[in-house]
Amino acid sequence: MELFANEWLSLSEENGAVWIQVEKPGFAMKDFEAVLDQVPRLTVTKFANLQLALGESSGGRLEIGQLKPAIEVTVSKDFMKASVRLNLTPEELERERERLPARLIEALQAHGVVHGILYDVLNGGMVAREKQTVALGTSPVPGTDAQLAYFELSPRRPVIREDGNADFFELQFIDEVKPGDWLGEKIPATAGTDGRNLAGVALPAKRGRDMPLKYDAHTVLEQQEGDKLVLRARSSGAVKKAAGKIFVQEMLIIAGDVGPQTGNISYDGNVQIRGTVLDGFTVTATKDISVLGEIGVGAVARIESLEGDVYIKGGIFGREKAVVRAGRSVFLKHAKDCVIEAAENIHVGLYAINCRLKSRYIHLDKRKGRLIGGEVQAKIKLVAAFIGNESESLTKVSVEGFDRSAILKKMDSLLQEYKKALASLEHMRREMDIYEGYEELLKHSQKKEYLDFGIRYEQTVERVMELEEERLKLAAYMSTKGDGEVTVMLKAFPRTMLQIKEIGRQIERITAGSFYVEKNTFFHE
């Protein structure tokens, strides 16, 4: 079959092969581009033969290429996209326009394409000699992951709020709930929408990742409410979170004062006292203790939390009898003539006068907090606006200090464990991803393996949270200047005695700044 002819050459086709015969010399290679425009189905596969034929003009026939189909279909490897190139001249395309859609559909079907055909393109958007997308598979739409929400615990950040001439030490200390109160919820994962490839074969969608609500089943109830799983308190108490789980701790509420009518209080849980603790009485609890009366407390015998925090909104006038201890932190507006000890932090709003304070960190308000007289022992750092007073009351401050190199080693070791835990989480997550969304198809042994991965994953998540808590504690060490620090924001008065580690200094004149020890040298800046 003859494909093309002019006075210099002719092209013919036999069994799909294209042959050239040169009739006379003088046809340049660069002019062959015009021939290709007129024979768009030609693809030159034997370029050397074409050069030889045009160069020698011998009149012999040489094979130079192949004849492409008029409708050239290309299907992607994943069978999700089909493209067509019309190897036609514009004139041929116009002649074929009416019956072209039917021919295109027939060509696509010959390649197994029956789904996702773009009929609008076939019916009016085809262009000659351009590769065009004419069919698209329907990709599966993965389901959405489960969405979790929990009760937000109030941050324990005490602030001094000024209202006229009064100062109020505010802290939302205990998050109290009643039976039925909302504690959390989950919007379940969705199944997603299946897709189809060009052959019409279903492509299963991956179900969204499920995540369990974490709670203590003894104190928190999970129930279906509409399309959600909702957590609600089973009983009254204080909301807490530990190891990633939410729960309700038992709480004893004293509506008035602790005194002759109540006797001494000893309770396994949280204690909230809405009045005060009268002189000579004792309150002990395993968890948090809050005394909310505006007048604070006086010469109490003892207020002690074994594992939690103590909050005394109105402060202490101890008359050298009151003792307050906490397994974690103590928060109070002011303190006078008392003993306060805490394992982690002591936060004082306005002043501490003639007190014995002992804790890892001691914080007085940076704008107003005054430390006057008494003896103060911090392990790592003390911060106050003022230390001492104009009367030059003897005020003793000591900071035990720490070994920075030992803390650095702990930090390095912790970070290594942290990285290993994260890598383990990632590995388990990948393994679980293989199964997720197809649980109903799993064999018994595969289901057991999947459940085991889930248990180990949750355990590792809890360990990561523990490591993060430890990291934050060590980071607090490292944020301290030197190996122990005292920071005076506004004024340190004469007769203030500072001892950091084994080095002591007495303030001789009013000053301020940071005092710290590094490599057995005392610094002030």
Protein backbone atom coordinates (compact mmCIF):
# COMPACT_ATOMS: atom_id res chain seq x y z
CA MET A 1 0.00 0.00 0.00
CA GLU A 2 1.38 3.36 -1.03
CA LEU A 3 1.53 5.90 1.77
CA PHE A 4 3.23 8.88 0.12
CA ALA A 5 4.86 9.90 -3.15
CA ASN A 6 6.44 12.96 -4.71
CA GLU A 7 8.94 13.51 -7.50
CA TRP A 8 11.92 12.44 -5.31
CA LEU A 9 10.65 9.47 -3.30
CA SER A 10 7.77 7.20 -2.39
CA LEU A 11 6.75 5.38 0.80
CA SER A 12 4.86 2.11 0.94
CA GLU A 13 3.69 -0.33 3.62
CA GLU A 14 3.87 -4.10 3.71
CA ASN A 15 2.78 -6.09 6.82
CA GLY A 16 3.29 -3.09 9.05
CA ALA A 17 6.78 -2.29 7.76
CA VAL A 18 7.39 0.98 5.91
CA TRP A 19 9.69 1.05 2.86
CA ILE A 20 11.30 3.94 1.01
CA GLN A 21 12.22 4.17 -2.64
CA VAL A 22 14.16 7.22 -3.86
CA GLU A 23 13.39 8.18 -7.44
CA LYS A 24 15.98 10.92 -7.91
CA PRO A 25 18.65 12.66 -5.82
CA GLY A 26 18.36 16.03 -4.10
CA PHE A 27 15.94 15.43 -1.25
CA ALA A 28 17.57 16.67 1.98
CA MET A 29 17.25 14.92 5.31
CA LYS A 30 15.92 18.09 6.94
CA ASP A 31 13.04 18.13 4.43
CA PHE A 32 11.89 14.68 5.61
CA GLU A 33 10.14 16.36 8.59
CA ALA A 34 7.50 17.60 6.13
CA VAL A 35 6.95 14.00 5.00
CA LEU A 36 6.39 12.91 8.61
CA ASP A 37 3.75 15.64 8.97
CA GLN A 38 1.86 14.16 6.03
CA VAL A 39 2.31 10.54 7.20
CA PRO A 40 1.83 10.78 10.99
CA ARG A 41 1.50 6.99 11.34
CA LEU A 42 5.15 6.55 10.31
CA THR A 43 7.71 5.96 13.01
CA VAL A 44 11.32 5.75 11.78
CA THR A 45 13.06 2.82 13.45
CA LYS A 46 15.94 2.36 11.00
CA PHE A 47 17.45 5.81 10.74
CA ALA A 48 20.66 4.57 9.07
CA ASN A 49 18.65 3.10 6.17
CA LEU A 50 16.84 6.42 5.73
CA GLN A 51 20.15 8.29 5.56
CA LEU A 52 21.56 5.72 3.15
CA ALA A 53 18.54 5.92 0.82
CA LEU A 54 18.50 9.72 0.68
CA GLY A 55 22.27 9.93 0.38
CA GLU A 56 22.87 7.37 -2.38
CA SER A 57 19.57 7.81 -4.24
CA SER A 58 20.13 4.36 -5.76
CA GLY A 59 16.50 3.66 -6.47
CA GLY A 60 16.48 0.51 -4.35
CA ARG A 61 13.89 -0.16 -1.65
CA LEU A 62 14.95 0.00 2.00
CA GLU A 63 12.95 -0.62 5.17
CA ILE A 64 13.01 2.49 7.35
CA GLY A 65 10.30 2.05 9.97
CA GLN A 66 6.94 0.80 11.19
CA LEU A 67 3.39 1.92 10.65
CA LYS A 68 1.72 2.94 13.87
CA PRO A 69 -2.00 2.39 14.39
CA ALA A 70 -4.24 5.33 13.62
CA ILE A 71 -5.51 5.12 17.20
CA GLU A 72 -2.58 4.45 19.54
CA VAL A 73 -3.72 3.42 23.05
CA THR A 74 -1.44 3.51 26.10
CA VAL A 75 -2.53 2.09 29.46
CA SER A 76 -0.62 2.75 32.70
CA LYS A 77 0.91 -0.15 34.61
CA ASP A 78 -1.58 0.23 37.46
CA PHE A 79 -4.44 0.17 34.92
CA MET A 80 -5.77 3.47 36.26
CA LYS A 81 -5.11 5.74 33.26
CA ALA A 82 -5.51 5.33 29.52
CA SER A 83 -4.23 7.73 26.90
CA VAL A 84 -4.76 7.95 23.15
CA ARG A 85 -2.67 9.47 20.40
CA LEU A 86 -4.40 9.95 17.06
CA ASN A 87 -1.79 9.39 14.38
CA LEU A 88 -3.82 11.32 11.81
CA THR A 89 -3.43 14.50 9.86
CA PRO A 90 -5.90 17.29 10.68
CA GLU A 91 -7.66 16.57 7.41
CA GLU A 92 -7.97 12.86 8.23
CA LEU A 93 -9.28 13.71 11.70
CA GLU A 94 -12.05 15.88 10.27
CA ARG A 95 -13.06 13.16 7.83
CA GLU A 96 -13.19 10.63 10.75
CA ARG A 97 -14.84 12.98 13.28
CA GLU A 98 -18.34 11.47 13.19
CA ARG A 99 -17.37 7.85 13.61
CA LEU A 100 -14.26 8.52 15.73
CA PRO A 101 -15.93 8.09 19.18
CA ALA A 102 -17.12 4.60 18.29
CA ARG A 103 -13.67 3.68 16.97
CA LEU A 104 -12.05 5.04 20.13
CA ILE A 105 -14.35 3.04 22.40
CA GLU A 106 -13.65 -0.07 20.36
CA ALA A 107 -9.88 0.52 20.65
CA LEU A 108 -10.13 1.05 24.40
CA GLN A 109 -12.20 -2.10 24.86
CA ALA A 110 -9.60 -4.01 22.89
CA HIS A 111 -7.13 -2.98 25.60
CA GLY A 112 -9.49 -4.02 28.40
CA VAL A 113 -10.70 -0.52 29.25
CA VAL A 114 -14.40 -0.51 30.18
CA HIS A 115 -14.57 1.83 33.20
CA GLY A 116 -13.79 5.50 33.65
CA ILE A 117 -14.01 6.44 29.96
CA LEU A 118 -14.11 10.22 29.48
CA TYR A 119 -16.91 10.45 26.92
CA ASP A 120 -16.81 14.25 26.75
CA VAL A 121 -13.23 14.04 25.51
CA LEU A 122 -14.04 11.32 22.99
CA ASN A 123 -17.02 13.21 21.57
CA GLY A 124 -15.50 16.58 21.02
CA GLY A 125 -12.11 17.12 22.48
CA MET A 126 -9.79 14.96 20.39
CA VAL A 127 -6.78 16.57 18.72
CA ALA A 128 -4.53 15.06 16.10
CA ARG A 129 -1.04 13.85 17.06
CA GLU A 130 -1.32 14.78 20.76
CA LYS A 131 -1.35 12.29 23.60
CA GLN A 132 -4.62 12.78 25.50
CA THR A 133 -6.06 11.14 28.59
CA VAL A 134 -9.32 9.43 27.66
CA ALA A 135 -10.03 7.17 30.67
CA LEU A 136 -9.34 7.37 34.40
CA GLY A 137 -9.90 4.72 37.03
CA THR A 138 -11.68 5.58 40.25
CA SER A 139 -9.18 5.62 43.09
CA PRO A 140 -10.35 4.24 46.42
CA VAL A 141 -10.96 6.91 49.05
CA PRO A 142 -9.50 5.81 52.40
CA GLY A 143 -11.65 6.13 55.46
CA THR A 144 -11.02 8.85 58.00
CA ASP A 145 -9.14 7.96 61.17
CA ALA A 146 -10.96 7.87 64.47
CA GLN A 147 -11.09 11.29 66.14
CA LEU A 148 -10.53 11.46 69.89
CA ALA A 149 -11.23 14.31 72.31
CA TYR A 150 -10.73 14.41 76.07
CA PHE A 151 -11.55 16.64 79.02
CA GLU A 152 -8.85 19.31 79.21
CA LEU A 153 -7.30 19.55 82.66
CA SER A 154 -6.84 23.06 84.00
CA PRO A 155 -3.18 24.12 83.89
CA ARG A 156 -1.57 24.61 87.28
CA ARG A 157 -0.10 28.01 86.64
CA PRO A 158 -0.79 30.28 89.61
CA VAL A 159 -1.22 33.98 88.87
CA ILE A 160 -1.66 37.09 90.98
CA ARG A 161 -4.71 38.99 89.79
CA GLU A 162 -4.95 42.62 90.85
CA ASP A 163 -8.45 43.90 91.63
CA GLY A 164 -8.43 47.43 93.06
CA ASN A 165 -6.22 47.39 96.13
CA ALA A 166 -6.50 43.65 96.66
CA ASP A 167 -4.38 40.84 95.32
CA PHE A 168 -5.88 37.43 94.62
CA PHE A 169 -3.87 34.29 94.14
CA GLU A 170 -5.85 32.34 91.55
CA LEU A 171 -5.45 28.72 90.55
CA GLN A 172 -7.98 26.28 89.09
CA PHE A 173 -6.71 23.46 91.24
CA ILE A 174 -9.14 20.56 91.09
CA ASP A 175 -11.27 19.75 88.07
CA GLU A 176 -14.40 18.53 89.78
CA VAL A 177 -16.99 16.40 87.98
CA LYS A 178 -20.29 14.79 88.86
CA PRO A 179 -21.85 11.54 87.64
CA GLY A 180 -22.64 11.77 83.95
CA ASP A 181 -20.29 14.66 83.21
CA TRP A 182 -18.53 14.53 79.83
CA LEU A 183 -14.92 13.29 79.92
CA GLY A 184 -14.20 12.46 76.31
CA GLU A 185 -15.51 11.07 73.04
CA LYS A 186 -14.58 9.25 69.88
CA ILE A 187 -15.90 9.67 66.37
CA PRO A 188 -15.22 6.20 64.95
CA ALA A 189 -13.08 5.56 61.91
CA THR A 190 -14.94 5.30 58.61
CA ALA A 191 -14.77 2.51 56.06
CA GLY A 192 -13.91 4.65 53.06
CA THR A 193 -15.16 4.29 49.47
CA ASP A 194 -14.02 1.50 47.14
CA GLY A 195 -12.57 2.39 43.76
CA ARG A 196 -12.39 0.65 40.37
CA ASN A 197 -9.62 0.31 37.82
CA LEU A 198 -10.15 0.69 34.07
CA ALA A 199 -11.14 -2.97 33.80
CA GLY A 200 -13.94 -2.39 36.32
CA VAL A 201 -12.19 -4.44 39.01
CA ALA A 202 -13.04 -3.21 42.51
CA LEU A 203 -10.22 -1.64 44.50
CA PRO A 204 -10.98 -1.99 48.22
CA ALA A 205 -10.62 1.19 50.27
CA LYS A 206 -8.48 1.13 53.35
CA ARG A 207 -10.50 1.64 56.48
CA GLY A 208 -9.48 4.61 58.66
CA ARG A 209 -7.19 3.88 61.56
CA ASP A 210 -9.02 3.09 64.76
CA MET A 211 -7.75 4.44 68.06
CA PRO A 212 -9.09 3.36 71.43
CA LEU A 213 -10.35 5.75 74.07
CA LYS A 214 -8.05 5.43 77.04
CA TYR A 215 -9.77 5.51 80.38
CA ASP A 216 -10.20 3.74 83.70
CA ALA A 217 -13.29 1.56 83.37
CA HIS A 218 -13.87 1.58 87.14
CA THR A 219 -14.44 5.34 87.25
CA VAL A 220 -15.36 6.20 83.65
CA LEU A 221 -18.28 4.89 81.59
CA GLU A 222 -18.12 4.44 77.81
CA GLN A 223 -21.43 4.53 75.97
CA GLN A 224 -22.77 4.97 72.45
CA GLU A 225 -24.46 8.31 71.84
CA GLY A 226 -25.59 8.77 68.27
CA ASP A 227 -22.58 8.25 66.04
CA LYS A 228 -20.09 8.79 68.86
CA LEU A 229 -18.61 6.83 71.74
CA VAL A 230 -18.76 9.13 74.75
CA LEU A 231 -16.94 8.92 78.09
CA ARG A 232 -18.81 10.04 81.20
CA ALA A 233 -17.94 10.07 84.87
CA ARG A 234 -19.38 7.18 86.87
CA SER A 235 -19.17 9.13 90.13
CA SER A 236 -18.25 12.48 91.61
CA GLY A 237 -14.59 13.26 91.99
CA ALA A 238 -11.55 14.93 90.47
CA VAL A 239 -10.55 14.35 86.85
CA LYS A 240 -6.98 13.11 86.42
CA LYS A 241 -4.79 11.77 83.65
CA ALA A 242 -1.95 9.30 84.04
CA ALA A 243 -0.15 7.05 81.54
CA GLY A 244 -2.38 8.49 78.83
CA LYS A 245 -5.61 7.39 80.56
CA ILE A 246 -8.34 9.59 81.97
CA PHE A 247 -9.97 8.69 85.26
CA VAL A 248 -11.85 10.13 88.20
CA GLN A 249 -10.23 10.13 91.61
CA GLU A 250 -12.32 10.03 94.72
CA MET A 251 -12.67 13.42 96.37
CA LEU A 252 -13.76 14.44 99.84
CA ILE A 253 -15.46 17.84 99.93
CA ILE A 254 -15.61 19.75 103.19
CA ALA A 255 -18.23 22.44 102.66
CA GLY A 256 -17.03 24.51 105.62
CA ASP A 257 -14.01 24.35 107.95
CA VAL A 258 -11.91 21.49 109.23
CA GLY A 259 -12.29 21.76 112.98
CA PRO A 260 -14.13 20.26 115.94
CA GLN A 261 -17.12 19.26 113.82
CA THR A 262 -15.05 17.25 111.36
CA GLY A 263 -12.04 16.29 113.42
CA ASN A 264 -8.71 15.65 111.76
CA ILE A 265 -8.98 14.54 108.14
CA SER A 266 -7.16 11.55 106.72
CA TYR A 267 -8.32 10.48 103.27
CA ASP A 268 -7.21 8.22 100.41
CA GLY A 269 -7.89 10.56 97.50
CA ASN A 270 -8.38 14.30 96.92
CA VAL A 271 -9.61 16.68 99.60
CA GLN A 272 -11.28 20.02 98.88
CA ILE A 273 -11.90 22.33 101.83
CA ARG A 274 -14.11 25.27 100.98
CA GLY A 275 -13.47 27.02 104.26
CA THR A 276 -10.27 26.86 106.31
CA VAL A 277 -8.36 24.48 108.59
CA LEU A 278 -8.59 25.64 112.17
CA ASP A 279 -5.57 25.90 114.46
CA GLY A 280 -4.17 22.63 115.73
CA PHE A 281 -5.97 20.42 113.21
CA THR A 282 -4.45 18.06 110.66
CA VAL A 283 -5.37 17.22 107.07
CA THR A 284 -3.60 14.38 105.29
CA ALA A 285 -4.47 12.88 101.90
CA THR A 286 -2.83 10.62 99.36
CA LYS A 287 -3.70 13.01 96.48
CA ASP A 288 -4.31 16.75 96.12
CA ILE A 289 -5.47 19.03 98.93
CA SER A 290 -7.03 22.43 98.28
CA VAL A 291 -8.02 24.98 100.92
CA LEU A 292 -10.18 27.58 99.21
CA GLY A 293 -11.09 29.94 102.03
CA GLU A 294 -9.98 33.53 101.41
CA ILE A 295 -8.55 33.86 104.93
CA GLY A 296 -6.13 30.98 104.44
CA VAL A 297 -4.95 28.96 107.45
CA GLY A 298 -3.23 29.74 110.72
CA ALA A 299 -1.40 27.58 113.26
CA VAL A 300 -2.50 24.26 111.79
CA ALA A 301 -0.72 21.17 113.01
CA ARG A 302 -0.09 19.73 109.55
CA ILE A 303 -1.44 19.75 106.00
CA GLU A 304 0.16 16.99 103.95
CA SER A 305 -0.37 15.42 100.54
CA LEU A 306 1.59 12.20 100.23
CA GLU A 307 1.58 11.96 96.43
CA GLY A 308 0.00 15.14 95.10
CA ASP A 309 -0.13 18.94 95.42
CA VAL A 310 -1.34 21.35 98.10
CA TYR A 311 -3.10 24.62 97.26
CA ILE A 312 -3.86 27.19 99.97
CA LYS A 313 -5.58 30.09 98.27
CA GLY A 314 -5.43 32.53 101.18
CA GLY A 315 -1.96 31.72 102.44
CA ILE A 316 -0.57 30.78 105.87
CA PHE A 317 -0.07 32.67 109.12
CA GLY A 318 1.60 29.81 110.90
CA ARG A 319 2.71 31.34 114.22
CA GLU A 320 5.73 29.02 114.05
CA LYS A 321 3.51 25.94 114.29
CA ALA A 322 2.08 25.27 110.82
CA VAL A 323 3.66 22.56 108.67
CA VAL A 324 2.72 21.98 105.04
CA ARG A 325 4.17 19.12 102.96
CA ALA A 326 3.48 17.84 99.44
CA GLY A 327 4.62 14.84 97.42
CA ARG A 328 4.78 17.15 94.43
CA SER A 329 4.13 20.90 94.73
CA VAL A 330 2.72 23.57 97.05
CA PHE A 331 0.87 26.66 95.80
CA LEU A 332 -0.13 29.51 98.11
CA LYS A 333 -0.72 33.24 98.15
CA HIS A 334 1.66 34.06 101.01
CA ALA A 335 3.37 32.41 103.96
CA LYS A 336 4.50 33.61 107.39
CA ASP A 337 6.16 31.77 110.29
CA CYS A 338 5.68 28.24 108.94
CA VAL A 339 7.41 25.22 107.45
CA ILE A 340 6.74 24.27 103.82
CA GLU A 341 8.32 21.27 102.12
CA ALA A 342 7.62 19.92 98.62
CA ALA A 343 9.32 17.30 96.48
CA GLU A 344 9.08 19.34 93.28
CA ASN A 345 8.02 23.00 93.54
CA ILE A 346 6.94 25.68 95.98
CA HIS A 347 5.01 28.58 94.39
CA VAL A 348 4.41 31.67 96.53
CA GLY A 349 2.45 34.66 95.27
CA LEU A 350 3.21 37.71 97.42
CA TYR A 351 5.66 36.91 100.21
CA ALA A 352 7.28 34.35 102.47
CA ILE A 353 8.36 35.82 105.84
CA ASN A 354 10.39 33.95 108.44
CA CYS A 355 9.62 30.60 106.85
CA ARG A 356 11.54 27.40 106.38
CA LEU A 357 11.12 26.42 102.74
CA LYS A 358 12.55 23.29 101.16
CA SER A 359 11.97 22.05 97.59
CA ARG A 360 13.63 21.26 94.29
CA TYR A 361 12.46 24.59 92.84
CA ILE A 362 11.19 27.61 94.75
CA HIS A 363 9.30 30.33 92.85
CA LEU A 364 8.01 33.64 94.16
CA ASP A 365 6.16 36.00 91.83
CA LYS A 366 8.70 37.76 89.61
CA ARG A 367 7.01 41.14 90.03
CA LYS A 368 5.91 41.10 93.65
CA GLY A 369 7.26 38.04 95.41
CA ARG A 370 9.25 38.88 98.55
CA LEU A 371 11.41 36.47 100.52
CA ILE A 372 12.19 37.93 103.94
CA GLY A 373 14.00 36.22 106.80
CA GLY A 374 13.90 32.50 107.54
CA GLU A 375 15.85 29.71 105.88
CA VAL A 376 15.29 28.58 102.32
CA GLN A 377 16.71 25.44 100.73
CA ALA A 378 16.33 24.80 97.00
CA LYS A 379 17.96 21.90 95.26
CA ILE A 380 18.25 23.53 91.84
CA LYS A 381 16.88 27.05 91.59
CA LEU A 382 15.17 29.89 93.46
CA VAL A 383 13.45 32.88 91.83
CA ALA A 384 12.03 35.95 93.59
CA ALA A 385 11.42 39.62 92.95
CA PHE A 386 12.96 40.63 96.31
CA ILE A 387 15.14 38.87 98.86
CA GLY A 388 15.54 40.53 102.26
CA ASN A 389 14.14 44.00 103.04
CA GLU A 390 15.08 47.59 103.86
CA SER A 391 15.43 46.63 107.55
CA GLU A 392 18.13 44.16 106.47
CA SER A 393 16.47 41.14 108.06
CA LEU A 394 18.82 38.16 107.97
CA THR A 395 17.67 35.91 105.12
CA LYS A 396 19.45 32.63 104.43
CA VAL A 397 19.18 31.06 101.01
CA SER A 398 20.98 27.88 100.04
CA VAL A 399 20.95 25.95 96.78
CA GLU A 400 22.21 22.39 97.00
CA GLY A 401 23.11 22.32 93.31
CA PHE A 402 23.64 19.36 91.01
CA ASP A 403 26.24 17.65 88.83
CA ARG A 404 25.66 18.99 85.33
CA SER A 405 27.82 16.33 83.68
CA ALA A 406 25.77 13.59 85.37
CA ILE A 407 22.55 15.21 84.15
CA LEU A 408 23.97 15.39 80.63
CA LYS A 409 24.76 11.68 80.74
CA LYS A 410 21.22 10.94 81.90
CA MET A 411 19.87 13.13 79.12
CA ASP A 412 21.95 11.34 76.48
CA SER A 413 20.89 7.93 77.79
CA LEU A 414 17.26 9.00 77.87
CA LEU A 415 17.40 10.38 74.31
CA GLN A 416 18.88 7.10 73.07
CA GLU A 417 16.06 5.15 74.68
CA TYR A 418 13.59 7.70 73.34
CA LYS A 419 14.86 7.25 69.76
CA LYS A 420 14.70 3.45 70.09
CA ALA A 421 11.14 3.67 71.41
CA LEU A 422 10.10 5.93 68.52
CA ALA A 423 11.74 3.58 66.00
CA SER A 424 9.93 0.66 67.61
CA LEU A 425 6.64 2.58 67.38
CA GLU A 426 7.22 3.28 63.70
CA HIS A 427 8.01 -0.40 63.02
CA MET A 428 4.90 -1.58 64.86
CA ARG A 429 2.80 1.06 63.13
CA ARG A 430 3.95 -0.20 59.72
CA GLU A 431 3.19 -3.79 60.71
CA MET A 432 -0.27 -2.81 61.96
CA ASP A 433 -0.93 -0.83 58.77
CA ILE A 434 -0.69 -4.09 56.82
CA TYR A 435 -3.68 -5.47 58.71
CA GLU A 436 -5.75 -2.37 59.45
CA GLY A 437 -8.91 -2.10 57.43
CA TYR A 438 -8.95 -5.81 56.64
CA GLU A 439 -9.56 -7.29 60.10
CA GLU A 440 -12.56 -9.31 58.93
CA LEU A 441 -10.37 -11.08 56.35
CA LEU A 442 -7.62 -12.07 58.78
CA LYS A 443 -7.01 -15.64 59.83
CA HIS A 444 -7.00 -16.49 63.53
CA SER A 445 -3.20 -16.42 63.78
CA GLN A 446 -3.07 -13.09 61.94
CA LYS A 447 -5.70 -11.58 64.23
CA LYS A 448 -3.70 -12.66 67.26
CA GLU A 449 -0.54 -11.14 65.78
CA TYR A 450 -2.43 -7.91 65.05
CA LEU A 451 -3.79 -7.73 68.61
CA ASP A 452 -0.32 -8.41 70.03
CA PHE A 453 1.08 -5.54 67.97
CA GLY A 454 -1.69 -3.31 69.31
CA ILE A 455 -0.90 -4.18 72.94
CA ARG A 456 2.83 -3.65 72.45
CA TYR A 457 2.15 -0.41 70.60
CA GLU A 458 0.08 1.00 73.49
CA GLN A 459 2.72 -0.08 76.01
CA THR A 460 5.42 1.64 73.97
CA VAL A 461 3.30 4.80 73.68
CA GLU A 462 3.02 4.88 77.47
CA ARG A 463 6.77 4.46 77.78
CA VAL A 464 7.36 7.32 75.33
CA MET A 465 5.13 9.54 77.46
CA GLU A 466 7.08 8.59 80.58
CA LEU A 467 10.36 9.36 78.81
CA GLU A 468 9.01 12.74 77.69
CA GLU A 469 8.10 13.58 81.27
CA GLU A 470 11.59 12.62 82.41
CA ARG A 471 13.08 14.65 79.56
CA LEU A 472 11.20 17.76 80.65
CA LYS A 473 12.51 17.37 84.19
CA LEU A 474 16.08 17.02 82.97
CA ALA A 475 15.61 19.96 80.58
CA ALA A 476 14.64 22.09 83.59
CA TYR A 477 18.00 21.23 85.14
CA MET A 478 19.80 22.23 81.97
CA SER A 479 17.96 25.56 81.73
CA THR A 480 19.46 26.53 85.07
CA LYS A 481 22.63 28.59 84.98
CA GLY A 482 25.68 26.78 86.27
CA ASP A 483 25.18 23.99 88.78
CA GLY A 484 22.60 25.85 90.87
CA GLU A 485 21.06 29.31 90.63
CA VAL A 486 19.40 32.13 92.60
CA THR A 487 17.67 34.80 90.50
CA VAL A 488 16.60 38.11 92.05
CA MET A 489 14.47 40.06 89.59
CA LEU A 490 14.42 43.44 91.38
CA LYS A 491 16.36 43.76 94.66
CA ALA A 492 18.48 41.65 96.98
CA PHE A 493 19.12 43.57 100.23
CA PRO A 494 22.14 43.52 102.55
CA ARG A 495 22.32 40.65 105.06
CA THR A 496 21.05 38.23 102.47
CA MET A 497 23.21 35.11 102.79
CA LEU A 498 23.57 33.06 99.63
CA GLN A 499 25.13 29.62 99.50
CA ILE A 500 25.26 27.71 96.24
CA LYS A 501 26.84 24.28 96.55
CA GLU A 502 29.85 24.83 98.87
CA ILE A 503 30.37 28.51 98.08
CA GLY A 504 28.74 31.22 100.17
CA ARG A 505 28.35 34.96 99.67
CA GLN A 506 26.73 37.76 101.67
CA ILE A 507 24.99 40.60 99.85
CA GLU A 508 26.68 43.86 100.97
CA ARG A 509 24.60 46.35 98.99
CA ILE A 510 21.29 46.37 97.16
CA THR A 511 21.65 44.42 93.91
CA ALA A 512 19.80 42.13 91.55
CA GLY A 513 20.53 39.53 88.88
CA SER A 514 21.46 35.87 88.69
CA PHE A 515 23.85 34.23 91.13
CA TYR A 516 25.22 30.82 90.25
CA VAL A 517 28.18 28.48 90.66
CA GLU A 518 30.00 26.87 87.78
CA LYS A 519 33.18 24.81 88.08
CA ASN A 520 33.52 25.84 91.74
CA THR A 521 33.41 29.55 90.84
CA PHE A 522 30.72 31.94 92.05
CA PHE A 523 29.20 34.20 89.36
CA HIS A 524 26.87 37.18 89.50
CA GLU A 525 25.40 38.66 86.34
